[in-house]
Amino acid sequence: MSLETPPLPGEPAVAALAAPPVATTRTQVLKAVWELLHDLSIAVLFCFFLITFVAQAFRVQGTSMLPLLEDGERILVNKLVYRLQPIERGDVVVFWYPKDPAVSFIKRVVGRPGDSVEIKRGALYVNGQLVPETYVKSQFRDGESFEPVEVPRGYYYVLGDHRNSSNDSRSWGEVPEKYIYGKAMFRFWPLSKLGSIR
């Protein structure tokens, strides 16, 4: 039983405020939790989609792409681009190492399917034509020669820009197209070298 104090003469009556039902409060909490979980799920799925199909950040390990990329730099790899356009000569690509697909490598494509690739005293020839490789600095060249090879269908010939310190197609052959999963597009660390990769 509850008691209600009558109002004093001349004062308006004020209705007592009722406490919200416990069931309503619990429902509001559950609704808020559900909305939070829903939003988090969408965010996680979006990130998964983004990393799997669109772009992913990587840390460069090693010096095989000097002077373009240095050890420890952070880059963004476009994983969607080759679903929309073909792989071209000169592209800097990220791929699973054919000898150990658990490891990723980054190199430059110099030969496409059907191309004849030859190296004479460090100079690159594709289909009999000397390729002017302005991205290979003189201190990173070597004087080695390799017999011409024809790149098989569905494969690519790749080289590191640091020719005398690169483990590439000269050593283990061509890369299957299915192993190439992205193109290095943008360097975001260090900030002093922020910019596109060519």
C-alpha atoms as a PDB file:
ATOM      1  CA  MET A   1       0.000   0.000   0.000  1.00  0.00           C
ATOM      2  CA  SER A   2       1.286   3.516  -0.847  1.00  0.00           C
ATOM      3  CA  LEU A   3       0.439   6.838   0.741  1.00  0.00           C
ATOM      4  CA  GLU A   4      -0.101  10.026  -1.205  1.00  0.00           C
ATOM      5  CA  THR A   5       0.358  13.400   0.445  1.00  0.00           C
ATOM      6  CA  PRO A   6      -2.541  15.678  -0.390  1.00  0.00           C
ATOM      7  CA  PRO A   7      -1.600  19.074  -1.884  1.00  0.00           C
ATOM      8  CA  LEU A   8      -1.708  22.142   0.295  1.00  0.00           C
ATOM      9  CA  PRO A   9      -4.645  24.508  -0.254  1.00  0.00           C
ATOM     10  CA  GLY A  10      -4.021  26.669  -3.329  1.00  0.00           C
ATOM     11  CA  GLU A  11      -1.306  24.398  -4.784  1.00  0.00           C
ATOM     12  CA  PRO A  12      -1.927  22.466  -7.998  1.00  0.00           C
ATOM     13  CA  ALA A  13      -1.964  18.742  -7.728  1.00  0.00           C
ATOM     14  CA  VAL A  14       1.156  17.071  -9.202  1.00  0.00           C
ATOM     15  CA  ALA A  15       0.890  13.533 -10.488  1.00  0.00           C
ATOM     16  CA  ALA A  16       3.575  11.173  -9.182  1.00  0.00           C
ATOM     17  CA  LEU A  17       6.106  10.097 -11.841  1.00  0.00           C
ATOM     18  CA  ALA A  18       6.006   6.395 -12.453  1.00  0.00           C
ATOM     19  CA  ALA A  19       9.316   4.518 -12.717  1.00  0.00           C
ATOM     20  CA  PRO A  20       9.911   2.957 -16.182  1.00  0.00           C
ATOM     21  CA  PRO A  21       9.041  -0.691 -16.329  1.00  0.00           C
ATOM     22  CA  VAL A  22      12.034  -3.008 -15.905  1.00  0.00           C
ATOM     23  CA  ALA A  23      11.079  -4.929 -19.065  1.00  0.00           C
ATOM     24  CA  THR A  24      11.238  -1.767 -21.206  1.00  0.00           C
ATOM     25  CA  THR A  25      14.724  -0.857 -19.918  1.00  0.00           C
ATOM     26  CA  ARG A  26      16.023  -4.364 -20.577  1.00  0.00           C
ATOM     27  CA  THR A  27      14.604  -4.266 -24.111  1.00  0.00           C
ATOM     28  CA  GLN A  28      16.351  -0.943 -24.813  1.00  0.00           C
ATOM     29  CA  VAL A  29      19.691  -2.342 -23.584  1.00  0.00           C
ATOM     30  CA  LEU A  30      19.329  -5.475 -25.705  1.00  0.00           C
ATOM     31  CA  LYS A  31      18.424  -3.355 -28.726  1.00  0.00           C
ATOM     32  CA  ALA A  32      21.504  -1.143 -28.230  1.00  0.00           C
ATOM     33  CA  VAL A  33      23.769  -4.217 -27.863  1.00  0.00           C
ATOM     34  CA  TRP A  34      22.251  -5.759 -30.997  1.00  0.00           C
ATOM     35  CA  GLU A  35      22.812  -2.563 -33.003  1.00  0.00           C
ATOM     36  CA  LEU A  36      26.423  -2.407 -31.800  1.00  0.00           C
ATOM     37  CA  LEU A  37      27.076  -6.029 -32.787  1.00  0.00           C
ATOM     38  CA  HIS A  38      25.387  -5.441 -36.132  1.00  0.00           C
ATOM     39  CA  ASP A  39      27.565  -2.398 -36.878  1.00  0.00           C
ATOM     40  CA  LEU A  40      30.732  -4.217 -35.766  1.00  0.00           C
ATOM     41  CA  SER A  41      29.888  -7.198 -37.960  1.00  0.00           C
ATOM     42  CA  ILE A  42      29.430  -4.966 -40.985  1.00  0.00           C
ATOM     43  CA  ALA A  43      32.746  -3.204 -40.237  1.00  0.00           C
ATOM     44  CA  VAL A  44      34.584  -6.543 -39.908  1.00  0.00           C
ATOM     45  CA  LEU A  45      33.056  -7.869 -43.149  1.00  0.00           C
ATOM     46  CA  PHE A  46      33.943  -4.640 -44.935  1.00  0.00           C
ATOM     47  CA  CYS A  47      37.558  -4.832 -43.732  1.00  0.00           C
ATOM     48  CA  PHE A  48      37.756  -8.505 -44.757  1.00  0.00           C
ATOM     49  CA  PHE A  49      36.414  -7.652 -48.224  1.00  0.00           C
ATOM     50  CA  LEU A  50      38.781  -4.689 -48.512  1.00  0.00           C
ATOM     51  CA  ILE A  51      41.880  -6.695 -47.527  1.00  0.00           C
ATOM     52  CA  THR A  52      40.936  -9.744 -49.607  1.00  0.00           C
ATOM     53  CA  PHE A  53      39.856  -8.073 -52.824  1.00  0.00           C
ATOM     54  CA  VAL A  54      40.792  -4.391 -52.909  1.00  0.00           C
ATOM     55  CA  ALA A  55      43.948  -3.287 -51.078  1.00  0.00           C
ATOM     56  CA  GLN A  56      46.335  -4.318 -48.352  1.00  0.00           C
ATOM     57  CA  ALA A  57      49.256  -2.730 -46.532  1.00  0.00           C
ATOM     58  CA  PHE A  58      52.647  -4.460 -46.612  1.00  0.00           C
ATOM     59  CA  ARG A  59      56.085  -3.895 -45.122  1.00  0.00           C
ATOM     60  CA  VAL A  60      59.009  -4.182 -47.540  1.00  0.00           C
ATOM     61  CA  GLN A  61      61.600  -6.719 -46.405  1.00  0.00           C
ATOM     62  CA  GLY A  62      65.004  -6.741 -48.030  1.00  0.00           C
ATOM     63  CA  THR A  63      66.855  -4.580 -50.526  1.00  0.00           C
ATOM     64  CA  SER A  64      66.108  -6.253 -53.868  1.00  0.00           C
ATOM     65  CA  MET A  65      64.031  -3.281 -55.077  1.00  0.00           C
ATOM     66  CA  LEU A  66      66.529  -0.521 -54.277  1.00  0.00           C
ATOM     67  CA  PRO A  67      66.550   2.356 -54.987  1.00  0.00           C
ATOM     68  CA  LEU A  68      62.755   2.360 -55.485  1.00  0.00           C
ATOM     69  CA  LEU A  69      61.871   0.624 -52.210  1.00  0.00           C
ATOM     70  CA  GLU A  70      63.941   0.341 -49.056  1.00  0.00           C
ATOM     71  CA  ASP A  71      63.824  -2.248 -46.301  1.00  0.00           C
ATOM     72  CA  GLY A  72      61.147  -1.432 -43.725  1.00  0.00           C
ATOM     73  CA  GLU A  73      59.071   0.889 -45.889  1.00  0.00           C
ATOM     74  CA  ARG A  74      55.291   0.492 -45.839  1.00  0.00           C
ATOM     75  CA  ILE A  75      53.372   0.255 -49.085  1.00  0.00           C
ATOM     76  CA  LEU A  76      49.786  -0.170 -50.221  1.00  0.00           C
ATOM     77  CA  VAL A  77      49.116  -2.986 -52.685  1.00  0.00           C
ATOM     78  CA  ASN A  78      46.163  -2.783 -55.078  1.00  0.00           C
ATOM     79  CA  LYS A  79      44.616  -6.268 -55.216  1.00  0.00           C
ATOM     80  CA  LEU A  80      41.747  -5.283 -57.502  1.00  0.00           C
ATOM     81  CA  VAL A  81      43.648  -3.793 -60.433  1.00  0.00           C
ATOM     82  CA  TYR A  82      44.488  -7.063 -62.198  1.00  0.00           C
ATOM     83  CA  ARG A  83      40.853  -8.121 -62.173  1.00  0.00           C
ATOM     84  CA  LEU A  84      40.214  -5.090 -64.367  1.00  0.00           C
ATOM     85  CA  GLN A  85      43.341  -4.812 -66.520  1.00  0.00           C
ATOM     86  CA  PRO A  86      46.275  -6.986 -67.649  1.00  0.00           C
ATOM     87  CA  ILE A  87      49.693  -7.125 -66.015  1.00  0.00           C
ATOM     88  CA  GLU A  88      52.111  -4.919 -67.953  1.00  0.00           C
ATOM     89  CA  ARG A  89      55.876  -4.761 -68.300  1.00  0.00           C
ATOM     90  CA  GLY A  90      57.274  -2.357 -65.746  1.00  0.00           C
ATOM     91  CA  ASP A  91      54.598  -3.080 -63.126  1.00  0.00           C
ATOM     92  CA  VAL A  92      55.934  -3.596 -59.610  1.00  0.00           C
ATOM     93  CA  VAL A  93      54.002  -6.637 -58.405  1.00  0.00           C
ATOM     94  CA  VAL A  94      53.541  -8.594 -55.190  1.00  0.00           C
ATOM     95  CA  PHE A  95      53.275 -12.367 -55.509  1.00  0.00           C
ATOM     96  CA  TRP A  96      53.681 -15.644 -53.692  1.00  0.00           C
ATOM     97  CA  TYR A  97      57.200 -16.996 -54.118  1.00  0.00           C
ATOM     98  CA  PRO A  98      56.888 -20.045 -56.417  1.00  0.00           C
ATOM     99  CA  LYS A  99      59.344 -22.087 -54.317  1.00  0.00           C
ATOM    100  CA  ASP A 100      57.462 -21.328 -51.084  1.00  0.00           C
ATOM    101  CA  PRO A 101      53.959 -19.871 -51.560  1.00  0.00           C
ATOM    102  CA  ALA A 102      53.790 -18.972 -47.865  1.00  0.00           C
ATOM    103  CA  VAL A 103      56.275 -16.154 -48.606  1.00  0.00           C
ATOM    104  CA  SER A 104      55.486 -12.972 -50.569  1.00  0.00           C
ATOM    105  CA  PHE A 105      57.968 -11.303 -52.916  1.00  0.00           C
ATOM    106  CA  ILE A 106      57.950  -7.918 -54.641  1.00  0.00           C
ATOM    107  CA  LYS A 107      59.626  -7.495 -58.056  1.00  0.00           C
ATOM    108  CA  ARG A 108      59.242  -5.711 -61.386  1.00  0.00           C
ATOM    109  CA  VAL A 109      57.659  -7.442 -64.392  1.00  0.00           C
ATOM    110  CA  VAL A 110      60.001  -7.369 -67.400  1.00  0.00           C
ATOM    111  CA  GLY A 111      58.551 -10.172 -69.504  1.00  0.00           C
ATOM    112  CA  ARG A 112      54.959 -11.109 -70.367  1.00  0.00           C
ATOM    113  CA  PRO A 113      53.657 -14.416 -71.785  1.00  0.00           C
ATOM    114  CA  GLY A 114      55.222 -15.060 -75.180  1.00  0.00           C
ATOM    115  CA  ASP A 115      58.097 -12.606 -74.685  1.00  0.00           C
ATOM    116  CA  SER A 116      61.712 -13.606 -75.251  1.00  0.00           C
ATOM    117  CA  VAL A 117      63.850 -12.337 -72.362  1.00  0.00           C
ATOM    118  CA  GLU A 118      67.647 -12.213 -72.512  1.00  0.00           C
ATOM    119  CA  ILE A 119      70.282 -10.531 -70.372  1.00  0.00           C
ATOM    120  CA  LYS A 120      73.619  -9.613 -71.933  1.00  0.00           C
ATOM    121  CA  ARG A 121      76.323  -8.384 -69.542  1.00  0.00           C
ATOM    122  CA  GLY A 122      73.614  -6.936 -67.284  1.00  0.00           C
ATOM    123  CA  ALA A 123      71.572  -5.303 -70.065  1.00  0.00           C
ATOM    124  CA  LEU A 124      67.960  -6.454 -70.522  1.00  0.00           C
ATOM    125  CA  TYR A 125      66.669  -7.426 -73.959  1.00  0.00           C
ATOM    126  CA  VAL A 126      63.006  -8.245 -74.573  1.00  0.00           C
ATOM    127  CA  ASN A 127      62.089  -9.688 -77.971  1.00  0.00           C
ATOM    128  CA  GLY A 128      65.543  -8.731 -79.197  1.00  0.00           C
ATOM    129  CA  GLN A 129      65.197  -5.068 -78.223  1.00  0.00           C
ATOM    130  CA  LEU A 130      67.338  -3.376 -75.575  1.00  0.00           C
ATOM    131  CA  VAL A 131      65.121  -2.140 -72.729  1.00  0.00           C
ATOM    132  CA  PRO A 132      66.186   1.263 -71.320  1.00  0.00           C
ATOM    133  CA  GLU A 133      65.886   0.560 -67.595  1.00  0.00           C
ATOM    134  CA  THR A 134      66.183   4.017 -66.050  1.00  0.00           C
ATOM    135  CA  TYR A 135      65.002   2.582 -62.712  1.00  0.00           C
ATOM    136  CA  VAL A 136      68.161   0.436 -62.369  1.00  0.00           C
ATOM    137  CA  LYS A 137      71.015   2.562 -61.045  1.00  0.00           C
ATOM    138  CA  SER A 138      74.581   1.861 -62.161  1.00  0.00           C
ATOM    139  CA  GLN A 139      75.750   0.793 -58.694  1.00  0.00           C
ATOM    140  CA  PHE A 140      73.005  -1.864 -58.600  1.00  0.00           C
ATOM    141  CA  ARG A 141      73.723  -3.418 -62.000  1.00  0.00           C
ATOM    142  CA  ASP A 142      75.696  -6.604 -62.543  1.00  0.00           C
ATOM    143  CA  GLY A 143      77.549  -7.843 -65.589  1.00  0.00           C
ATOM    144  CA  GLU A 144      75.976 -11.281 -65.802  1.00  0.00           C
ATOM    145  CA  SER A 145      74.507 -12.786 -68.959  1.00  0.00           C
ATOM    146  CA  PHE A 146      71.569 -15.180 -69.285  1.00  0.00           C
ATOM    147  CA  GLU A 147      70.496 -17.078 -72.394  1.00  0.00           C
ATOM    148  CA  PRO A 148      67.189 -16.081 -74.012  1.00  0.00           C
ATOM    149  CA  VAL A 149      64.087 -17.701 -72.511  1.00  0.00           C
ATOM    150  CA  GLU A 150      60.567 -17.593 -73.857  1.00  0.00           C
ATOM    151  CA  VAL A 151      58.041 -16.766 -71.161  1.00  0.00           C
ATOM    152  CA  PRO A 152      55.360 -19.485 -71.151  1.00  0.00           C
ATOM    153  CA  ARG A 153      51.674 -18.724 -71.399  1.00  0.00           C
ATOM    154  CA  GLY A 154      50.239 -17.788 -68.001  1.00  0.00           C
ATOM    155  CA  TYR A 155      53.657 -16.809 -66.575  1.00  0.00           C
ATOM    156  CA  TYR A 156      55.686 -13.610 -66.060  1.00  0.00           C
ATOM    157  CA  TYR A 157      59.409 -12.912 -65.904  1.00  0.00           C
ATOM    158  CA  VAL A 158      60.301 -10.699 -62.938  1.00  0.00           C
ATOM    159  CA  LEU A 159      63.498  -8.987 -61.765  1.00  0.00           C
ATOM    160  CA  GLY A 160      64.500  -6.902 -58.771  1.00  0.00           C
ATOM    161  CA  ASP A 161      65.782  -3.380 -59.498  1.00  0.00           C
ATOM    162  CA  HIS A 162      68.858  -4.141 -57.353  1.00  0.00           C
ATOM    163  CA  ARG A 163      70.196  -6.655 -59.867  1.00  0.00           C
ATOM    164  CA  ASN A 164      73.277  -7.736 -57.937  1.00  0.00           C
ATOM    165  CA  SER A 165      71.207  -8.431 -54.805  1.00  0.00           C
ATOM    166  CA  SER A 166      67.944  -9.922 -56.048  1.00  0.00           C
ATOM    167  CA  ASN A 167      66.531 -13.436 -55.938  1.00  0.00           C
ATOM    168  CA  ASP A 168      64.308 -13.437 -59.028  1.00  0.00           C
ATOM    169  CA  SER A 169      63.381 -15.173 -62.301  1.00  0.00           C
ATOM    170  CA  ARG A 170      67.040 -15.503 -63.219  1.00  0.00           C
ATOM    171  CA  SER A 171      67.375 -17.988 -60.346  1.00  0.00           C
ATOM    172  CA  TRP A 172      64.061 -19.819 -60.123  1.00  0.00           C
ATOM    173  CA  GLY A 173      62.171 -19.091 -63.337  1.00  0.00           C
ATOM    174  CA  GLU A 174      58.930 -17.362 -64.167  1.00  0.00           C
ATOM    175  CA  VAL A 175      56.016 -16.550 -61.849  1.00  0.00           C
ATOM    176  CA  PRO A 176      52.600 -18.126 -62.536  1.00  0.00           C
ATOM    177  CA  GLU A 177      49.978 -15.454 -63.130  1.00  0.00           C
ATOM    178  CA  LYS A 178      47.764 -17.022 -60.452  1.00  0.00           C
ATOM    179  CA  TYR A 179      50.507 -16.260 -57.872  1.00  0.00           C
ATOM    180  CA  ILE A 180      50.513 -12.523 -58.641  1.00  0.00           C
ATOM    181  CA  TYR A 181      47.953 -10.964 -56.335  1.00  0.00           C
ATOM    182  CA  GLY A 182      48.586  -7.239 -56.464  1.00  0.00           C
ATOM    183  CA  LYS A 183      50.364  -4.193 -57.773  1.00  0.00           C
ATOM    184  CA  ALA A 184      52.438  -1.950 -55.520  1.00  0.00           C
ATOM    185  CA  MET A 185      50.735   1.415 -55.869  1.00  0.00           C
ATOM    186  CA  PHE A 186      51.533   3.740 -52.979  1.00  0.00           C
ATOM    187  CA  ARG A 187      54.168   4.226 -50.277  1.00  0.00           C
ATOM    188  CA  PHE A 188      52.735   5.618 -47.046  1.00  0.00           C
ATOM    189  CA  TRP A 189      55.766   5.225 -44.763  1.00  0.00           C
ATOM    190  CA  PRO A 190      58.087   6.968 -44.176  1.00  0.00           C
ATOM    191  CA  LEU A 191      56.071  10.150 -44.567  1.00  0.00           C
ATOM    192  CA  SER A 192      59.054  11.866 -46.161  1.00  0.00           C
ATOM    193  CA  LYS A 193      58.710   9.474 -49.150  1.00  0.00           C
ATOM    194  CA  LEU A 194      54.917   9.472 -49.324  1.00  0.00           C
ATOM    195  CA  GLY A 195      53.737   8.947 -52.889  1.00  0.00           C
ATOM    196  CA  SER A 196      52.970   6.620 -55.776  1.00  0.00           C
ATOM    197  CA  ILE A 197      55.248   3.755 -56.806  1.00  0.00           C
ATOM    198  CA  ARG A 198      56.437   3.538 -60.423  1.00  0.00           C
END
